[in-house]
Amino acid sequence: MVLLTDEPLDPQQAARAVMSHADGAYVQFVGVVRDHARGRQVTGLEYEAYLPMARRQMERIAAQVRERWGLSCSILHRFGYLAVGEASVVVCVSSAHRAEAFEACRWAIDTLKNEVPIWKKEYARDGTYWIEGDEAISQESDTTT
């Protein structure tokens, strides 16, 4: 299951989509909007996506989890404005054994963050800021030290 939506995410929907009677567990990552980042008080986030390409790349990631580990994977991601505390992304992987599920889930969320065309704007008390990966964070850190 792959879902890119402007509606609130249900992590249990992601779990139901991957679980089978052969699986003994699922591992799930849920990313939630936090109230701070890079020394700023965050009041919300806005996600924009190039929807057709983002959906295809999310489907490719889920397929690679099936090919590489033989596991089921669901990926859900929000776009639009999200308030602090709302879930922005859910990745869920089911497996008969935990080690593979943890490894596959971590790989899937890391790959999604690095490759899928979804952009984040932070709303903070001192303005709004487009966030473009770890490079932007380190550049900003360099200018504030």
Protein backbone atom coordinates (compact mmCIF):
# COMPACT_ATOMS: atom_id res chain seq x y z
CA MET A 1 0.00 0.00 0.00
CA VAL A 2 1.26 3.44 -0.94
CA LEU A 3 -0.74 6.55 -0.06
CA LEU A 4 0.05 10.20 -0.65
CA THR A 5 -2.76 12.29 0.83
CA ASP A 6 -3.75 15.60 2.35
CA GLU A 7 -5.91 13.76 4.91
CA PRO A 8 -4.70 12.68 8.41
CA LEU A 9 -2.72 9.44 8.43
CA ASP A 10 -3.82 6.32 10.30
CA PRO A 11 -0.77 4.21 11.29
CA GLN A 12 -3.03 1.21 11.89
CA GLN A 13 -4.16 1.38 8.25
CA ALA A 14 -0.51 0.90 7.25
CA ALA A 15 -0.20 -2.10 9.60
CA ARG A 16 -3.42 -3.72 8.36
CA ALA A 17 -2.20 -3.36 4.78
CA VAL A 18 0.94 -5.46 5.37
CA MET A 19 0.05 -8.01 8.05
CA SER A 20 -0.67 -11.62 7.19
CA HIS A 21 -1.13 -14.77 9.28
CA ALA A 22 2.42 -15.81 8.36
CA ASP A 23 3.88 -12.68 9.95
CA GLY A 24 4.70 -12.54 13.61
CA ALA A 25 5.38 -8.84 13.84
CA TYR A 26 5.46 -5.51 12.15
CA VAL A 27 7.87 -2.63 12.55
CA GLN A 28 6.52 0.82 12.02
CA PHE A 29 8.08 4.26 11.78
CA VAL A 30 5.77 7.22 12.34
CA GLY A 31 7.19 10.70 11.74
CA VAL A 32 5.36 13.39 13.71
CA VAL A 33 5.59 17.18 13.45
CA ARG A 34 7.62 18.37 16.43
CA ASP A 35 7.50 21.81 18.04
CA HIS A 36 11.14 22.73 17.44
CA ALA A 37 13.93 22.49 14.87
CA ARG A 38 17.38 24.08 14.52
CA GLY A 39 16.85 26.31 17.55
CA ARG A 40 13.46 27.60 16.40
CA GLN A 41 10.00 27.17 17.87
CA VAL A 42 8.03 25.37 15.11
CA THR A 43 4.29 25.99 14.85
CA GLY A 44 3.59 23.70 11.88
CA LEU A 45 4.91 22.25 8.64
CA GLU A 46 3.77 22.32 5.05
CA TYR A 47 4.68 19.52 2.66
CA GLU A 48 4.60 19.91 -1.10
CA ALA A 49 5.10 17.02 -3.48
CA TYR A 50 5.36 16.37 -7.16
CA LEU A 51 2.53 13.87 -6.76
CA PRO A 52 2.91 11.57 -9.80
CA MET A 53 6.65 11.17 -9.36
CA ALA A 54 6.48 10.93 -5.57
CA ARG A 55 3.85 8.19 -5.75
CA ARG A 56 5.91 6.22 -8.31
CA GLN A 57 9.04 6.49 -6.19
CA MET A 58 7.17 5.45 -3.05
CA GLU A 59 5.81 2.42 -4.96
CA ARG A 60 9.36 1.64 -6.11
CA ILE A 61 10.62 1.71 -2.51
CA ALA A 62 7.86 -0.68 -1.38
CA ALA A 63 8.67 -2.97 -4.32
CA GLN A 64 12.37 -2.93 -3.44
CA VAL A 65 11.54 -3.99 0.12
CA ARG A 66 9.62 -6.97 -1.37
CA GLU A 67 12.48 -7.82 -3.74
CA ARG A 68 15.37 -7.33 -1.30
CA TRP A 69 13.87 -8.75 1.91
CA GLY A 70 10.75 -10.58 0.70
CA LEU A 71 8.62 -8.45 3.04
CA SER A 72 5.44 -6.44 2.72
CA CYS A 73 5.82 -2.68 3.06
CA SER A 74 3.32 0.17 3.24
CA ILE A 75 4.22 3.84 2.96
CA LEU A 76 1.89 6.74 3.76
CA HIS A 77 2.85 10.42 3.47
CA ARG A 78 0.91 13.64 4.04
CA PHE A 79 1.10 16.80 2.01
CA GLY A 80 -0.35 20.20 2.80
CA TYR A 81 -0.25 21.97 6.17
CA LEU A 82 0.26 19.87 9.32
CA ALA A 83 0.04 21.08 12.89
CA VAL A 84 2.48 20.10 15.64
CA GLY A 85 1.70 16.55 16.76
CA GLU A 86 0.26 15.33 13.46
CA ALA A 87 1.78 12.33 11.67
CA SER A 88 3.53 13.28 8.43
CA VAL A 89 4.85 9.88 7.32
CA VAL A 90 4.27 6.22 8.16
CA VAL A 91 6.38 3.30 6.99
CA CYS A 92 5.34 -0.19 8.05
CA VAL A 93 7.03 -3.52 7.29
CA SER A 94 5.77 -6.94 8.38
CA SER A 95 7.86 -10.04 8.82
CA ALA A 96 8.10 -13.40 10.53
CA HIS A 97 11.27 -12.14 12.23
CA ARG A 98 12.13 -8.75 13.72
CA ALA A 99 15.70 -8.22 12.46
CA GLU A 100 14.70 -8.08 8.79
CA ALA A 101 11.68 -5.90 9.54
CA PHE A 102 13.77 -3.33 11.44
CA GLU A 103 16.41 -3.26 8.69
CA ALA A 104 13.87 -2.94 5.87
CA CYS A 105 11.83 -0.27 7.66
CA ARG A 106 14.90 1.85 8.35
CA TRP A 107 16.07 1.48 4.75
CA ALA A 108 12.62 2.45 3.43
CA ILE A 109 12.28 5.65 5.49
CA ASP A 110 15.88 6.69 4.79
CA THR A 111 15.42 6.09 1.06
CA LEU A 112 12.11 7.97 1.05
CA LYS A 113 13.67 10.99 2.79
CA ASN A 114 16.61 11.04 0.34
CA GLU A 115 14.91 10.28 -2.98
CA VAL A 116 11.20 11.12 -3.05
CA PRO A 117 10.32 14.63 -4.32
CA ILE A 118 8.55 15.89 -1.21
CA TRP A 119 9.57 19.28 0.17
CA LYS A 120 9.04 20.68 3.64
CA LYS A 121 8.43 24.24 4.78
CA GLU A 122 8.69 24.98 8.50
CA TYR A 123 6.46 27.59 10.04
CA ALA A 124 8.27 29.14 13.00
CA ARG A 125 7.68 32.10 15.25
CA ASP A 126 10.37 34.03 13.35
CA GLY A 127 9.18 33.19 9.82
CA THR A 128 8.90 30.32 7.35
CA TYR A 129 11.79 28.25 6.04
CA TRP A 130 12.02 25.73 3.21
CA ILE A 131 14.02 22.73 4.39
CA GLU A 132 16.00 20.88 1.74
CA GLY A 133 17.66 17.87 3.33
CA ASP A 134 20.58 17.58 5.70
CA GLU A 135 22.74 19.83 3.51
CA ALA A 136 20.52 22.86 4.22
CA ILE A 137 20.56 22.05 7.92
CA SER A 138 24.36 21.86 8.07
CA GLN A 139 24.74 25.05 6.02
CA GLU A 140 22.40 26.85 8.35
CA SER A 141 24.28 25.47 11.38
CA ASP A 142 27.53 26.76 9.87
CA THR A 143 26.15 30.28 9.65
CA THR A 144 24.85 30.31 13.20
CA THR A 145 28.03 29.19 14.97
